């Protein structure tokens, strides 16, 4: 099941950034799919998705505070991130 969770995580922009890029740069794994399989558990991946969802919600709150709308590029990106993360969490929790 971990393989399927990680495959789905690699379809979520924010999780690709954190799991594959940031955590590789921190030396947690070698950056390969197999390396990530050896490091992560399902629970770690879901916890990271929830953390990233919190950040996406914070970003949307700031966007609203600064008067951004769906016409603004960053607002649209934050909405996309939120939707991807919610879908992933709903499927795998």
C-alpha atoms as a PDB file:
ATOM      1  CA  UNK A   1       0.000   0.000   0.000  1.00  0.00           C
ATOM      2  CA  UNK A   2       2.880   2.413   0.708  1.00  0.00           C
ATOM      3  CA  UNK A   3       3.898   2.291  -2.947  1.00  0.00           C
ATOM      4  CA  UNK A   4       0.407   3.425  -4.025  1.00  0.00           C
ATOM      5  CA  UNK A   5       0.319   6.192  -1.404  1.00  0.00           C
ATOM      6  CA  UNK A   6       3.691   7.502  -2.550  1.00  0.00           C
ATOM      7  CA  UNK A   7       2.689   7.315  -6.233  1.00  0.00           C
ATOM      8  CA  UNK A   8      -0.394   9.399  -5.462  1.00  0.00           C
ATOM      9  CA  UNK A   9       1.679  11.808  -3.359  1.00  0.00           C
ATOM     10  CA  UNK A  10       3.878  12.412  -6.402  1.00  0.00           C
ATOM     11  CA  UNK A  11       0.793  13.775  -8.189  1.00  0.00           C
ATOM     12  CA  UNK A  12       0.362  16.528  -5.564  1.00  0.00           C
ATOM     13  CA  UNK A  13       2.561  19.545  -6.280  1.00  0.00           C
ATOM     14  CA  UNK A  14       3.206  20.469  -2.646  1.00  0.00           C
ATOM     15  CA  UNK A  15       4.074  16.901  -1.671  1.00  0.00           C
ATOM     16  CA  UNK A  16       6.482  16.538  -4.600  1.00  0.00           C
ATOM     17  CA  UNK A  17       8.193  19.684  -3.407  1.00  0.00           C
ATOM     18  CA  UNK A  18       8.467  18.535   0.209  1.00  0.00           C
ATOM     19  CA  UNK A  19       8.996  14.795  -0.104  1.00  0.00           C
ATOM     20  CA  UNK A  20      11.134  14.591  -3.218  1.00  0.00           C
ATOM     21  CA  UNK A  21      12.970  17.900  -3.260  1.00  0.00           C
ATOM     22  CA  UNK A  22      13.244  19.420   0.230  1.00  0.00           C
ATOM     23  CA  UNK A  23      13.683  16.160   2.124  1.00  0.00           C
ATOM     24  CA  UNK A  24      16.260  14.979  -0.431  1.00  0.00           C
ATOM     25  CA  UNK A  25      18.208  18.222  -0.003  1.00  0.00           C
ATOM     26  CA  UNK A  26      18.092  17.636   3.772  1.00  0.00           C
ATOM     27  CA  UNK A  27      19.659  14.205   3.228  1.00  0.00           C
ATOM     28  CA  UNK A  28      16.721  12.084   4.391  1.00  0.00           C
ATOM     29  CA  UNK A  29      16.857   9.948   1.227  1.00  0.00           C
ATOM     30  CA  UNK A  30      18.623   9.838  -2.132  1.00  0.00           C
ATOM     31  CA  UNK A  31      15.788  11.453  -4.113  1.00  0.00           C
ATOM     32  CA  UNK A  32      14.748   8.287  -5.935  1.00  0.00           C
ATOM     33  CA  UNK A  33      11.332   6.670  -5.627  1.00  0.00           C
ATOM     34  CA  UNK A  34      12.970   3.649  -3.988  1.00  0.00           C
ATOM     35  CA  UNK A  35      14.829   5.918  -1.572  1.00  0.00           C
ATOM     36  CA  UNK A  36      11.594   7.603  -0.586  1.00  0.00           C
ATOM     37  CA  UNK A  37       9.925   4.196  -0.115  1.00  0.00           C
ATOM     38  CA  UNK A  38      12.689   3.289   2.313  1.00  0.00           C
ATOM     39  CA  UNK A  39      12.301   6.477   4.333  1.00  0.00           C
ATOM     40  CA  UNK A  40       8.592   7.302   4.512  1.00  0.00           C
ATOM     41  CA  UNK A  41       5.627   5.558   6.060  1.00  0.00           C
ATOM     42  CA  UNK A  42       2.015   6.128   5.094  1.00  0.00           C
ATOM     43  CA  UNK A  43       1.498   8.052   8.335  1.00  0.00           C
ATOM     44  CA  UNK A  44       4.440  10.376   7.665  1.00  0.00           C
ATOM     45  CA  UNK A  45       3.172  11.160   4.169  1.00  0.00           C
ATOM     46  CA  UNK A  46      -0.359  11.861   5.399  1.00  0.00           C
ATOM     47  CA  UNK A  47       0.963  14.018   8.245  1.00  0.00           C
ATOM     48  CA  UNK A  48       3.007  16.028   5.749  1.00  0.00           C
ATOM     49  CA  UNK A  49      -0.067  16.414   3.528  1.00  0.00           C
ATOM     50  CA  UNK A  50      -2.047  17.747   6.505  1.00  0.00           C
ATOM     51  CA  UNK A  51       0.781  20.143   7.359  1.00  0.00           C
ATOM     52  CA  UNK A  52       0.894  21.388   3.770  1.00  0.00           C
ATOM     53  CA  UNK A  53      -2.912  21.762   3.761  1.00  0.00           C
ATOM     54  CA  UNK A  54      -2.661  23.971   6.857  1.00  0.00           C
ATOM     55  CA  UNK A  55      -0.104  26.111   5.035  1.00  0.00           C
ATOM     56  CA  UNK A  56      -2.310  26.295   1.924  1.00  0.00           C
ATOM     57  CA  UNK A  57      -5.225  27.459   4.078  1.00  0.00           C
ATOM     58  CA  UNK A  58      -3.000  30.087   5.726  1.00  0.00           C
ATOM     59  CA  UNK A  59      -1.889  31.282   2.290  1.00  0.00           C
ATOM     60  CA  UNK A  60      -5.508  31.587   1.172  1.00  0.00           C
ATOM     61  CA  UNK A  61      -6.298  33.599   4.302  1.00  0.00           C
ATOM     62  CA  UNK A  62      -3.434  35.966   3.540  1.00  0.00           C
ATOM     63  CA  UNK A  63      -4.525  36.191  -0.089  1.00  0.00           C
ATOM     64  CA  UNK A  64      -7.994  37.274   1.036  1.00  0.00           C
ATOM     65  CA  UNK A  65      -6.554  39.726   3.540  1.00  0.00           C
ATOM     66  CA  UNK A  66      -4.589  41.383   0.737  1.00  0.00           C
ATOM     67  CA  UNK A  67      -7.611  41.491  -1.558  1.00  0.00           C
ATOM     68  CA  UNK A  68      -6.592  38.764  -3.982  1.00  0.00           C
ATOM     69  CA  UNK A  69      -9.231  36.919  -5.954  1.00  0.00           C
ATOM     70  CA  UNK A  70      -9.466  34.045  -8.395  1.00  0.00           C
ATOM     71  CA  UNK A  71      -8.108  36.390 -11.048  1.00  0.00           C
ATOM     72  CA  UNK A  72      -4.740  36.543  -9.278  1.00  0.00           C
ATOM     73  CA  UNK A  73      -2.206  33.856 -10.217  1.00  0.00           C
ATOM     74  CA  UNK A  74      -1.017  33.117  -6.657  1.00  0.00           C
ATOM     75  CA  UNK A  75      -4.587  32.772  -5.399  1.00  0.00           C
ATOM     76  CA  UNK A  76      -5.312  30.240  -8.149  1.00  0.00           C
ATOM     77  CA  UNK A  77      -2.152  28.309  -7.269  1.00  0.00           C
ATOM     78  CA  UNK A  78      -3.127  28.192  -3.584  1.00  0.00           C
ATOM     79  CA  UNK A  79      -6.630  26.956  -4.462  1.00  0.00           C
ATOM     80  CA  UNK A  80      -5.142  24.213  -6.660  1.00  0.00           C
ATOM     81  CA  UNK A  81      -2.745  23.173  -3.864  1.00  0.00           C
ATOM     82  CA  UNK A  82      -5.587  23.024  -1.356  1.00  0.00           C
ATOM     83  CA  UNK A  83      -7.777  20.895  -3.618  1.00  0.00           C
ATOM     84  CA  UNK A  84      -4.968  18.467  -4.447  1.00  0.00           C
ATOM     85  CA  UNK A  85      -4.107  18.029  -0.773  1.00  0.00           C
ATOM     86  CA  UNK A  86      -7.724  17.596   0.344  1.00  0.00           C
ATOM     87  CA  UNK A  87      -8.304  14.947  -2.313  1.00  0.00           C
ATOM     88  CA  UNK A  88      -5.133  13.080  -1.322  1.00  0.00           C
ATOM     89  CA  UNK A  89      -5.922  13.187   2.411  1.00  0.00           C
ATOM     90  CA  UNK A  90      -9.516  12.082   1.886  1.00  0.00           C
ATOM     91  CA  UNK A  91      -8.353   9.094  -0.166  1.00  0.00           C
ATOM     92  CA  UNK A  92      -5.568   7.849   2.133  1.00  0.00           C
ATOM     93  CA  UNK A  93      -6.398   8.745   5.743  1.00  0.00           C
END
